[in-house]
Amino acid sequence: MRVCVTGASGHIGSAVVPELVQAGHEVVGVVRSDASAAAVEAMGAEVRRGDLDDLDALRRAAAEADAVVHLAFDHRAMGAGDFAGAVATDLAVVRALGDELSGTGKALIGIGLTPTGDPGRDAAINANPRSAVARELAGYAEHGVRTILVAIPPVTHSDRDRTGFIPRMIGFARATGVSGYVGDGANRWPAGHTLDVARLYRLALEQAPAGAQLYAATEEGITLREIAETIGRRLDLPAGSIPAERVADHFKGFPFVTLDITMPNADTRKLLGWNPTHPGLIADLEADHYFTTA
């Protein structure tokens, strides 16, 4: 199958591309820089130059493919505090890809969650501005597109992870001298190893039915306190609760620290025969890579 992958050189894309190539798929990676182009070529994929603002280039790449795996996101805008702008860009990209694939029966695999019918969970889903993108993508199932949504765990961990939740938490601990958590630290973060997530994408492409909602967490929820205590021990720093009045200052620019959600994965495992094999989050934290690169 000829598969177009946006964000092909990113954290997850850099694992998805070789997973697809090794399974015999012909992969086209959309990249914007020379360095990314070289990295994607080294993975055995064809390179297509373009970025998220070049909707015509994305449409052409989608038209020439049998399936599209959309992983790119404007992290620069999000990092600069313009989360709404990043979401607006992503929404335009999904519409361009969805319109191009409409009526073809081809697959469009994106990131996100659709409403579950559980008021509590749906409130958490809808609080994330990216939920609008997930709903838009899912809607193309009614227009002849094989839409598949993958819920990526907030903590997608491995030695490829440079800017995710765990590097941020390690950075806060180093900067403040305390590996902190909020309240009693009982809020939960779902987690999954990057390589297990990549395998799920390959299985989704090959097996998932139109309209599928998949959960890529290999661990449904790990308490923030356990994460913080492991980081503190590895850094030889105390772990402790950060008072409410100091949370914003301690975890600067990181509102996700209060996230509390689980991602049940039994249905996804059963549907695709997905059996994660890589280390869990705490085991990964016991390795050295996060503390030599974070």
C-alpha atoms as a PDB file:
ATOM      1  CA  MET A   1       0.000   0.000   0.000  1.00  0.00           C
ATOM      2  CA  ARG A   2       1.271   3.505  -0.788  1.00  0.00           C
ATOM      3  CA  VAL A   3       0.998   5.527   2.442  1.00  0.00           C
ATOM      4  CA  CYS A   4       1.465   9.268   2.858  1.00  0.00           C
ATOM      5  CA  VAL A   5       2.704  10.223   6.350  1.00  0.00           C
ATOM      6  CA  THR A   6       2.691  13.818   7.577  1.00  0.00           C
ATOM      7  CA  GLY A   7       5.078  14.583  10.428  1.00  0.00           C
ATOM      8  CA  ALA A   8       7.218  11.715   9.189  1.00  0.00           C
ATOM      9  CA  SER A   9      10.395  12.813  10.978  1.00  0.00           C
ATOM     10  CA  GLY A  10       8.749  13.628  14.312  1.00  0.00           C
ATOM     11  CA  HIS A  11       8.731  11.658  17.532  1.00  0.00           C
ATOM     12  CA  ILE A  12       5.966   9.244  16.542  1.00  0.00           C
ATOM     13  CA  GLY A  13       6.414   9.551  12.779  1.00  0.00           C
ATOM     14  CA  SER A  14      10.048   8.449  13.022  1.00  0.00           C
ATOM     15  CA  ALA A  15       8.798   5.154  14.469  1.00  0.00           C
ATOM     16  CA  VAL A  16       5.714   4.762  12.266  1.00  0.00           C
ATOM     17  CA  VAL A  17       7.614   5.183   8.983  1.00  0.00           C
ATOM     18  CA  PRO A  18      10.110   2.306   9.505  1.00  0.00           C
ATOM     19  CA  GLU A  19       7.311   0.135  10.930  1.00  0.00           C
ATOM     20  CA  LEU A  20       5.370   0.591   7.685  1.00  0.00           C
ATOM     21  CA  VAL A  21       8.427   0.203   5.451  1.00  0.00           C
ATOM     22  CA  GLN A  22       9.486  -3.015   7.165  1.00  0.00           C
ATOM     23  CA  ALA A  23       5.971  -4.387   6.640  1.00  0.00           C
ATOM     24  CA  GLY A  24       6.342  -3.863   2.896  1.00  0.00           C
ATOM     25  CA  HIS A  25       4.402  -0.628   2.450  1.00  0.00           C
ATOM     26  CA  GLU A  26       5.566   2.132   0.134  1.00  0.00           C
ATOM     27  CA  VAL A  27       5.838   5.231   2.323  1.00  0.00           C
ATOM     28  CA  VAL A  28       5.926   8.888   1.302  1.00  0.00           C
ATOM     29  CA  GLY A  29       6.967  11.221   4.107  1.00  0.00           C
ATOM     30  CA  VAL A  30       5.955  14.875   3.948  1.00  0.00           C
ATOM     31  CA  VAL A  31       8.715  17.059   5.442  1.00  0.00           C
ATOM     32  CA  ARG A  32       9.658  20.728   5.411  1.00  0.00           C
ATOM     33  CA  SER A  33      13.430  20.780   6.046  1.00  0.00           C
ATOM     34  CA  ASP A  34      16.575  19.302   4.531  1.00  0.00           C
ATOM     35  CA  ALA A  35      17.435  17.596   7.823  1.00  0.00           C
ATOM     36  CA  SER A  36      14.007  15.967   8.003  1.00  0.00           C
ATOM     37  CA  ALA A  37      14.248  14.917   4.363  1.00  0.00           C
ATOM     38  CA  ALA A  38      17.572  13.186   5.010  1.00  0.00           C
ATOM     39  CA  ALA A  39      16.173  11.420   8.086  1.00  0.00           C
ATOM     40  CA  VAL A  40      13.097  10.164   6.234  1.00  0.00           C
ATOM     41  CA  GLU A  41      15.150   8.946   3.270  1.00  0.00           C
ATOM     42  CA  ALA A  42      17.379   7.048   5.698  1.00  0.00           C
ATOM     43  CA  MET A  43      14.261   5.243   6.956  1.00  0.00           C
ATOM     44  CA  GLY A  44      13.632   3.931   3.441  1.00  0.00           C
ATOM     45  CA  ALA A  45      10.798   6.289   2.538  1.00  0.00           C
ATOM     46  CA  GLU A  46      10.222   8.637  -0.379  1.00  0.00           C
ATOM     47  CA  VAL A  47      10.327  12.337   0.482  1.00  0.00           C
ATOM     48  CA  ARG A  48       7.737  14.927  -0.452  1.00  0.00           C
ATOM     49  CA  ARG A  49       8.511  18.530   0.493  1.00  0.00           C
ATOM     50  CA  GLY A  50       5.726  20.577   2.062  1.00  0.00           C
ATOM     51  CA  ASP A  51       4.423  22.023   5.295  1.00  0.00           C
ATOM     52  CA  LEU A  52       1.112  22.481   7.040  1.00  0.00           C
ATOM     53  CA  ASP A  53       0.435  25.788   5.288  1.00  0.00           C
ATOM     54  CA  ASP A  54       0.887  24.281   1.811  1.00  0.00           C
ATOM     55  CA  LEU A  55      -2.528  22.677   1.474  1.00  0.00           C
ATOM     56  CA  ASP A  56      -2.160  22.124  -2.261  1.00  0.00           C
ATOM     57  CA  ALA A  57       0.976  20.029  -1.716  1.00  0.00           C
ATOM     58  CA  LEU A  58      -0.817  17.989   0.938  1.00  0.00           C
ATOM     59  CA  ARG A  59      -3.785  17.421  -1.376  1.00  0.00           C
ATOM     60  CA  ARG A  60      -1.496  16.183  -4.157  1.00  0.00           C
ATOM     61  CA  ALA A  61       0.332  13.816  -1.799  1.00  0.00           C
ATOM     62  CA  ALA A  62      -2.990  12.451  -0.538  1.00  0.00           C
ATOM     63  CA  ALA A  63      -4.363  11.991  -4.050  1.00  0.00           C
ATOM     64  CA  GLU A  64      -1.350   9.868  -5.018  1.00  0.00           C
ATOM     65  CA  ALA A  65      -1.583   7.629  -1.939  1.00  0.00           C
ATOM     66  CA  ASP A  66      -3.770   4.706  -0.907  1.00  0.00           C
ATOM     67  CA  ALA A  67      -3.892   5.981   2.679  1.00  0.00           C
ATOM     68  CA  VAL A  68      -2.836   9.010   4.724  1.00  0.00           C
ATOM     69  CA  VAL A  69      -1.454   8.915   8.265  1.00  0.00           C
ATOM     70  CA  HIS A  70      -1.682  12.447   9.637  1.00  0.00           C
ATOM     71  CA  LEU A  71       0.764  12.997  12.509  1.00  0.00           C
ATOM     72  CA  ALA A  72       2.002  16.548  11.912  1.00  0.00           C
ATOM     73  CA  PHE A  73       1.023  19.396  14.239  1.00  0.00           C
ATOM     74  CA  ASP A  74       2.264  22.974  14.555  1.00  0.00           C
ATOM     75  CA  HIS A  75       4.245  22.501  17.758  1.00  0.00           C
ATOM     76  CA  ARG A  76       6.083  25.778  17.192  1.00  0.00           C
ATOM     77  CA  ALA A  77       2.848  27.750  17.445  1.00  0.00           C
ATOM     78  CA  MET A  78       1.727  25.723  20.450  1.00  0.00           C
ATOM     79  CA  GLY A  79       5.095  26.262  22.141  1.00  0.00           C
ATOM     80  CA  ALA A  80       4.735  30.004  21.562  1.00  0.00           C
ATOM     81  CA  GLY A  81       1.395  29.966  23.362  1.00  0.00           C
ATOM     82  CA  ASP A  82      -0.808  30.011  20.248  1.00  0.00           C
ATOM     83  CA  PHE A  83      -2.573  26.701  20.825  1.00  0.00           C
ATOM     84  CA  ALA A  84      -5.713  28.016  19.114  1.00  0.00           C
ATOM     85  CA  GLY A  85      -3.707  28.920  16.023  1.00  0.00           C
ATOM     86  CA  ALA A  86      -2.104  25.489  15.920  1.00  0.00           C
ATOM     87  CA  VAL A  87      -5.526  23.857  16.142  1.00  0.00           C
ATOM     88  CA  ALA A  88      -6.888  26.101  13.381  1.00  0.00           C
ATOM     89  CA  THR A  89      -4.008  25.065  11.121  1.00  0.00           C
ATOM     90  CA  ASP A  90      -4.628  21.399  11.885  1.00  0.00           C
ATOM     91  CA  LEU A  91      -8.330  21.792  11.156  1.00  0.00           C
ATOM     92  CA  ALA A  92      -7.528  23.263   7.730  1.00  0.00           C
ATOM     93  CA  VAL A  93      -5.156  20.368   6.998  1.00  0.00           C
ATOM     94  CA  VAL A  94      -7.735  17.720   7.964  1.00  0.00           C
ATOM     95  CA  ARG A  95     -10.335  19.394   5.758  1.00  0.00           C
ATOM     96  CA  ALA A  96      -7.923  19.509   2.818  1.00  0.00           C
ATOM     97  CA  LEU A  97      -7.004  15.831   3.220  1.00  0.00           C
ATOM     98  CA  GLY A  98     -10.586  14.738   3.881  1.00  0.00           C
ATOM     99  CA  ASP A  99     -11.968  16.626   0.892  1.00  0.00           C
ATOM    100  CA  GLU A 100      -9.293  15.119  -1.362  1.00  0.00           C
ATOM    101  CA  LEU A 101     -10.048  11.575  -0.188  1.00  0.00           C
ATOM    102  CA  SER A 102     -13.838  11.918  -0.174  1.00  0.00           C
ATOM    103  CA  GLY A 103     -15.583   9.193  -2.157  1.00  0.00           C
ATOM    104  CA  THR A 104     -12.412   7.116  -2.585  1.00  0.00           C
ATOM    105  CA  GLY A 105     -12.739   4.675   0.327  1.00  0.00           C
ATOM    106  CA  LYS A 106      -9.093   5.403   1.172  1.00  0.00           C
ATOM    107  CA  ALA A 107      -7.929   5.546   4.782  1.00  0.00           C
ATOM    108  CA  LEU A 108      -7.321   8.757   6.704  1.00  0.00           C
ATOM    109  CA  ILE A 109      -5.780   8.046  10.104  1.00  0.00           C
ATOM    110  CA  GLY A 110      -5.623  10.931  12.553  1.00  0.00           C
ATOM    111  CA  ILE A 111      -5.083  11.667  16.222  1.00  0.00           C
ATOM    112  CA  GLY A 112      -7.905  12.250  18.654  1.00  0.00           C
ATOM    113  CA  LEU A 113     -10.916  11.122  20.608  1.00  0.00           C
ATOM    114  CA  THR A 114     -14.581  11.290  19.779  1.00  0.00           C
ATOM    115  CA  PRO A 115     -17.355  11.500  22.417  1.00  0.00           C
ATOM    116  CA  THR A 116     -17.920   8.305  24.382  1.00  0.00           C
ATOM    117  CA  GLY A 117     -21.352   8.921  25.912  1.00  0.00           C
ATOM    118  CA  ASP A 118     -19.841   9.168  29.395  1.00  0.00           C
ATOM    119  CA  PRO A 119     -20.462  12.769  30.577  1.00  0.00           C
ATOM    120  CA  GLY A 120     -17.321  12.924  32.698  1.00  0.00           C
ATOM    121  CA  ARG A 121     -15.005  11.582  30.012  1.00  0.00           C
ATOM    122  CA  ASP A 122     -16.674  13.646  27.311  1.00  0.00           C
ATOM    123  CA  ALA A 123     -16.216  16.825  29.330  1.00  0.00           C
ATOM    124  CA  ALA A 124     -12.479  16.112  29.512  1.00  0.00           C
ATOM    125  CA  ILE A 125     -12.332  15.315  25.784  1.00  0.00           C
ATOM    126  CA  ASN A 126     -14.229  18.437  24.765  1.00  0.00           C
ATOM    127  CA  ALA A 127     -12.076  20.639  26.998  1.00  0.00           C
ATOM    128  CA  ASN A 128      -9.174  19.991  24.632  1.00  0.00           C
ATOM    129  CA  PRO A 129      -9.409  22.355  21.624  1.00  0.00           C
ATOM    130  CA  ARG A 130      -8.036  19.572  19.416  1.00  0.00           C
ATOM    131  CA  SER A 131     -11.298  17.681  19.912  1.00  0.00           C
ATOM    132  CA  ALA A 132     -12.763  19.843  17.127  1.00  0.00           C
ATOM    133  CA  VAL A 133     -10.213  18.360  14.729  1.00  0.00           C
ATOM    134  CA  ALA A 134     -11.078  14.805  15.787  1.00  0.00           C
ATOM    135  CA  ARG A 135     -14.784  15.431  15.221  1.00  0.00           C
ATOM    136  CA  GLU A 136     -14.077  16.935  11.801  1.00  0.00           C
ATOM    137  CA  LEU A 137     -11.961  13.970  10.745  1.00  0.00           C
ATOM    138  CA  ALA A 138     -14.486  11.439  12.038  1.00  0.00           C
ATOM    139  CA  GLY A 139     -17.191  13.154  10.005  1.00  0.00           C
ATOM    140  CA  TYR A 140     -15.512  12.190   6.745  1.00  0.00           C
ATOM    141  CA  ALA A 141     -16.652   8.600   7.348  1.00  0.00           C
ATOM    142  CA  GLU A 142     -19.977   9.843   5.948  1.00  0.00           C
ATOM    143  CA  HIS A 143     -18.216  11.004   2.773  1.00  0.00           C
ATOM    144  CA  GLY A 144     -16.619   7.779   1.616  1.00  0.00           C
ATOM    145  CA  VAL A 145     -13.397   8.000   3.636  1.00  0.00           C
ATOM    146  CA  ARG A 146     -12.114   5.158   5.838  1.00  0.00           C
ATOM    147  CA  THR A 147     -11.523   7.355   8.878  1.00  0.00           C
ATOM    148  CA  ILE A 148      -9.623   5.989  11.877  1.00  0.00           C
ATOM    149  CA  LEU A 149      -8.860   7.920  15.051  1.00  0.00           C
ATOM    150  CA  VAL A 150      -5.971   6.965  17.324  1.00  0.00           C
ATOM    151  CA  ALA A 151      -5.960   8.311  20.877  1.00  0.00           C
ATOM    152  CA  ILE A 152      -2.280   8.886  21.591  1.00  0.00           C
ATOM    153  CA  PRO A 153      -1.438   8.627  25.305  1.00  0.00           C
ATOM    154  CA  PRO A 154      -0.270  11.897  26.899  1.00  0.00           C
ATOM    155  CA  VAL A 155       2.941  10.130  27.862  1.00  0.00           C
ATOM    156  CA  THR A 156       4.366   8.495  24.749  1.00  0.00           C
ATOM    157  CA  HIS A 157       7.791   7.517  25.985  1.00  0.00           C
ATOM    158  CA  SER A 158      11.084   6.162  24.636  1.00  0.00           C
ATOM    159  CA  ASP A 159      14.570   7.402  23.840  1.00  0.00           C
ATOM    160  CA  ARG A 160      12.983   9.317  20.925  1.00  0.00           C
ATOM    161  CA  ASP A 161      11.033  11.532  23.336  1.00  0.00           C
ATOM    162  CA  ARG A 162      12.683  14.954  23.633  1.00  0.00           C
ATOM    163  CA  THR A 163       9.852  17.404  24.323  1.00  0.00           C
ATOM    164  CA  GLY A 164       6.970  15.402  25.810  1.00  0.00           C
ATOM    165  CA  PHE A 165       5.458  15.259  29.287  1.00  0.00           C
ATOM    166  CA  ILE A 166       8.371  13.389  30.873  1.00  0.00           C
ATOM    167  CA  PRO A 167      11.197  15.699  29.653  1.00  0.00           C
ATOM    168  CA  ARG A 168       9.081  18.634  30.861  1.00  0.00           C
ATOM    169  CA  MET A 169       8.641  17.080  34.317  1.00  0.00           C
ATOM    170  CA  ILE A 170      12.364  16.331  34.559  1.00  0.00           C
ATOM    171  CA  GLY A 171      13.115  19.912  33.537  1.00  0.00           C
ATOM    172  CA  PHE A 172      10.808  21.314  36.229  1.00  0.00           C
ATOM    173  CA  ALA A 173      12.445  19.101  38.856  1.00  0.00           C
ATOM    174  CA  ARG A 174      15.938  20.182  37.876  1.00  0.00           C
ATOM    175  CA  ALA A 175      14.993  23.860  37.746  1.00  0.00           C
ATOM    176  CA  THR A 176      13.203  23.935  41.114  1.00  0.00           C
ATOM    177  CA  GLY A 177      14.989  21.236  43.104  1.00  0.00           C
ATOM    178  CA  VAL A 178      11.707  19.382  43.700  1.00  0.00           C
ATOM    179  CA  SER A 179      10.044  16.651  41.646  1.00  0.00           C
ATOM    180  CA  GLY A 180       6.534  17.942  42.088  1.00  0.00           C
ATOM    181  CA  TYR A 181       2.970  16.755  41.764  1.00  0.00           C
ATOM    182  CA  VAL A 182      -0.368  18.461  42.397  1.00  0.00           C
ATOM    183  CA  GLY A 183      -2.453  17.709  45.482  1.00  0.00           C
ATOM    184  CA  ASP A 184      -2.079  14.076  46.480  1.00  0.00           C
ATOM    185  CA  GLY A 185      -0.705  13.199  43.035  1.00  0.00           C
ATOM    186  CA  ALA A 186      -3.493  10.704  42.385  1.00  0.00           C
ATOM    187  CA  ASN A 187      -4.349  12.105  38.943  1.00  0.00           C
ATOM    188  CA  ARG A 188      -3.519   9.607  36.209  1.00  0.00           C
ATOM    189  CA  TRP A 189      -1.607   9.858  32.957  1.00  0.00           C
ATOM    190  CA  PRO A 190      -2.020   7.099  30.339  1.00  0.00           C
ATOM    191  CA  ALA A 191       1.258   5.977  28.789  1.00  0.00           C
ATOM    192  CA  GLY A 192       2.597   3.992  25.862  1.00  0.00           C
ATOM    193  CA  HIS A 193       5.994   3.173  24.404  1.00  0.00           C
ATOM    194  CA  THR A 194       6.653   4.890  21.072  1.00  0.00           C
ATOM    195  CA  LEU A 195       7.413   1.611  19.297  1.00  0.00           C
ATOM    196  CA  ASP A 196       4.221  -0.030  20.552  1.00  0.00           C
ATOM    197  CA  VAL A 197       2.259   3.012  19.370  1.00  0.00           C
ATOM    198  CA  ALA A 198       3.939   2.747  15.959  1.00  0.00           C
ATOM    199  CA  ARG A 199       2.956  -0.905  15.658  1.00  0.00           C
ATOM    200  CA  LEU A 200      -0.636   0.035  16.468  1.00  0.00           C
ATOM    201  CA  TYR A 201      -0.613   2.483  13.556  1.00  0.00           C
ATOM    202  CA  ARG A 202       0.529  -0.252  11.191  1.00  0.00           C
ATOM    203  CA  LEU A 203      -2.164  -2.625  12.426  1.00  0.00           C
ATOM    204  CA  ALA A 204      -4.753   0.144  12.158  1.00  0.00           C
ATOM    205  CA  LEU A 205      -3.809   0.771   8.542  1.00  0.00           C
ATOM    206  CA  GLU A 206      -4.011  -2.916   7.672  1.00  0.00           C
ATOM    207  CA  GLN A 207      -7.018  -4.025   9.721  1.00  0.00           C
ATOM    208  CA  ALA A 208      -9.127  -1.316  11.365  1.00  0.00           C
ATOM    209  CA  PRO A 209     -12.623  -0.715   9.972  1.00  0.00           C
ATOM    210  CA  ALA A 210     -13.926   2.679   8.936  1.00  0.00           C
ATOM    211  CA  GLY A 211     -14.940   4.791  11.905  1.00  0.00           C
ATOM    212  CA  ALA A 212     -12.692   2.943  14.362  1.00  0.00           C
ATOM    213  CA  GLN A 213     -11.650   4.677  17.574  1.00  0.00           C
ATOM    214  CA  LEU A 214      -8.415   3.156  18.844  1.00  0.00           C
ATOM    215  CA  TYR A 215      -6.566   3.669  22.127  1.00  0.00           C
ATOM    216  CA  ALA A 216      -2.766   3.559  21.910  1.00  0.00           C
ATOM    217  CA  ALA A 217      -2.056   3.550  25.657  1.00  0.00           C
ATOM    218  CA  THR A 218      -0.313   0.402  26.804  1.00  0.00           C
ATOM    219  CA  GLU A 219      -0.807   1.490  30.433  1.00  0.00           C
ATOM    220  CA  GLU A 220      -4.266   2.894  31.083  1.00  0.00           C
ATOM    221  CA  GLY A 221      -3.223   5.348  33.791  1.00  0.00           C
ATOM    222  CA  ILE A 222      -0.188   5.906  36.040  1.00  0.00           C
ATOM    223  CA  THR A 223      -0.446   8.315  38.965  1.00  0.00           C
ATOM    224  CA  LEU A 224       1.499  11.531  38.720  1.00  0.00           C
ATOM    225  CA  ARG A 225       2.855  10.888  42.201  1.00  0.00           C
ATOM    226  CA  GLU A 226       4.495   7.614  41.116  1.00  0.00           C
ATOM    227  CA  ILE A 227       5.996   9.361  38.105  1.00  0.00           C
ATOM    228  CA  ALA A 228       7.262  12.285  40.196  1.00  0.00           C
ATOM    229  CA  GLU A 229       8.721  10.012  42.876  1.00  0.00           C
ATOM    230  CA  THR A 230      10.585   7.962  40.268  1.00  0.00           C
ATOM    231  CA  ILE A 231      11.993  11.120  38.668  1.00  0.00           C
ATOM    232  CA  GLY A 232      12.993  12.470  42.081  1.00  0.00           C
ATOM    233  CA  ARG A 233      14.819   9.291  43.003  1.00  0.00           C
ATOM    234  CA  ARG A 234      16.676   9.223  39.690  1.00  0.00           C
ATOM    235  CA  LEU A 235      17.726  12.865  40.106  1.00  0.00           C
ATOM    236  CA  ASP A 236      18.441  12.486  43.856  1.00  0.00           C
ATOM    237  CA  LEU A 237      15.859  15.193  44.564  1.00  0.00           C
ATOM    238  CA  PRO A 238      12.888  15.193  46.940  1.00  0.00           C
ATOM    239  CA  ALA A 239       9.413  14.551  45.542  1.00  0.00           C
ATOM    240  CA  GLY A 240       6.511  16.452  46.997  1.00  0.00           C
ATOM    241  CA  SER A 241       3.143  18.111  46.572  1.00  0.00           C
ATOM    242  CA  ILE A 242       3.251  21.660  45.222  1.00  0.00           C
ATOM    243  CA  PRO A 243       0.857  24.022  47.052  1.00  0.00           C
ATOM    244  CA  ALA A 244      -2.048  25.228  44.930  1.00  0.00           C
ATOM    245  CA  GLU A 245      -0.844  28.830  44.959  1.00  0.00           C
ATOM    246  CA  ARG A 246       2.530  27.754  43.511  1.00  0.00           C
ATOM    247  CA  VAL A 247       1.389  25.254  40.875  1.00  0.00           C
ATOM    248  CA  ALA A 248       1.295  27.766  37.991  1.00  0.00           C
ATOM    249  CA  ASP A 249       4.764  29.059  38.848  1.00  0.00           C
ATOM    250  CA  HIS A 250       6.316  25.626  39.423  1.00  0.00           C
ATOM    251  CA  PHE A 251       4.896  24.053  36.254  1.00  0.00           C
ATOM    252  CA  LYS A 252       5.332  27.108  34.020  1.00  0.00           C
ATOM    253  CA  GLY A 253       3.386  26.875  30.744  1.00  0.00           C
ATOM    254  CA  PHE A 254       2.272  23.304  31.467  1.00  0.00           C
ATOM    255  CA  PRO A 255      -1.443  23.233  32.302  1.00  0.00           C
ATOM    256  CA  PHE A 256      -1.587  19.506  31.522  1.00  0.00           C
ATOM    257  CA  VAL A 257      -0.025  18.670  34.899  1.00  0.00           C
ATOM    258  CA  THR A 258      -3.543  18.375  36.357  1.00  0.00           C
ATOM    259  CA  LEU A 259      -4.719  15.977  33.640  1.00  0.00           C
ATOM    260  CA  ASP A 260      -6.606  12.991  35.052  1.00  0.00           C
ATOM    261  CA  ILE A 261      -7.793  10.450  32.498  1.00  0.00           C
ATOM    262  CA  THR A 262      -7.542   6.764  31.728  1.00  0.00           C
ATOM    263  CA  MET A 263      -7.399   5.081  28.331  1.00  0.00           C
ATOM    264  CA  PRO A 264      -8.862   1.561  28.418  1.00  0.00           C
ATOM    265  CA  ASN A 265      -7.266  -0.499  25.677  1.00  0.00           C
ATOM    266  CA  ALA A 266      -8.910  -3.943  25.851  1.00  0.00           C
ATOM    267  CA  ASP A 267     -11.147  -3.323  22.834  1.00  0.00           C
ATOM    268  CA  THR A 268      -8.238  -2.051  20.742  1.00  0.00           C
ATOM    269  CA  ARG A 269      -6.101  -5.051  21.645  1.00  0.00           C
ATOM    270  CA  LYS A 270      -8.901  -7.442  20.750  1.00  0.00           C
ATOM    271  CA  LEU A 271      -9.827  -5.714  17.492  1.00  0.00           C
ATOM    272  CA  LEU A 272      -6.295  -5.627  16.090  1.00  0.00           C
ATOM    273  CA  GLY A 273      -4.482  -8.397  17.968  1.00  0.00           C
ATOM    274  CA  TRP A 274      -2.205  -5.685  19.351  1.00  0.00           C
ATOM    275  CA  ASN A 275       0.133  -6.993  22.049  1.00  0.00           C
ATOM    276  CA  PRO A 276       2.561  -4.326  23.310  1.00  0.00           C
ATOM    277  CA  THR A 277       6.019  -5.706  24.083  1.00  0.00           C
ATOM    278  CA  HIS A 278       8.165  -2.710  25.027  1.00  0.00           C
ATOM    279  CA  PRO A 279       8.956  -1.393  28.534  1.00  0.00           C
ATOM    280  CA  GLY A 280       6.322   0.436  30.555  1.00  0.00           C
ATOM    281  CA  LEU A 281       6.827   4.018  31.676  1.00  0.00           C
ATOM    282  CA  ILE A 282       8.373   3.386  35.093  1.00  0.00           C
ATOM    283  CA  ALA A 283      10.763   0.804  33.631  1.00  0.00           C
ATOM    284  CA  ASP A 284      11.692   3.300  30.935  1.00  0.00           C
ATOM    285  CA  LEU A 285      12.366   5.932  33.588  1.00  0.00           C
ATOM    286  CA  GLU A 286      14.703   3.475  35.291  1.00  0.00           C
ATOM    287  CA  ALA A 287      16.846   3.472  32.156  1.00  0.00           C
ATOM    288  CA  ASP A 288      19.353   6.275  31.633  1.00  0.00           C
ATOM    289  CA  HIS A 289      18.191   7.911  28.425  1.00  0.00           C
ATOM    290  CA  TYR A 290      15.756  10.439  29.926  1.00  0.00           C
ATOM    291  CA  PHE A 291      18.327  11.662  32.404  1.00  0.00           C
ATOM    292  CA  THR A 292      21.185  12.077  29.952  1.00  0.00           C
ATOM    293  CA  THR A 293      19.135  13.861  27.249  1.00  0.00           C
ATOM    294  CA  ALA A 294      16.324  15.674  29.090  1.00  0.00           C
END
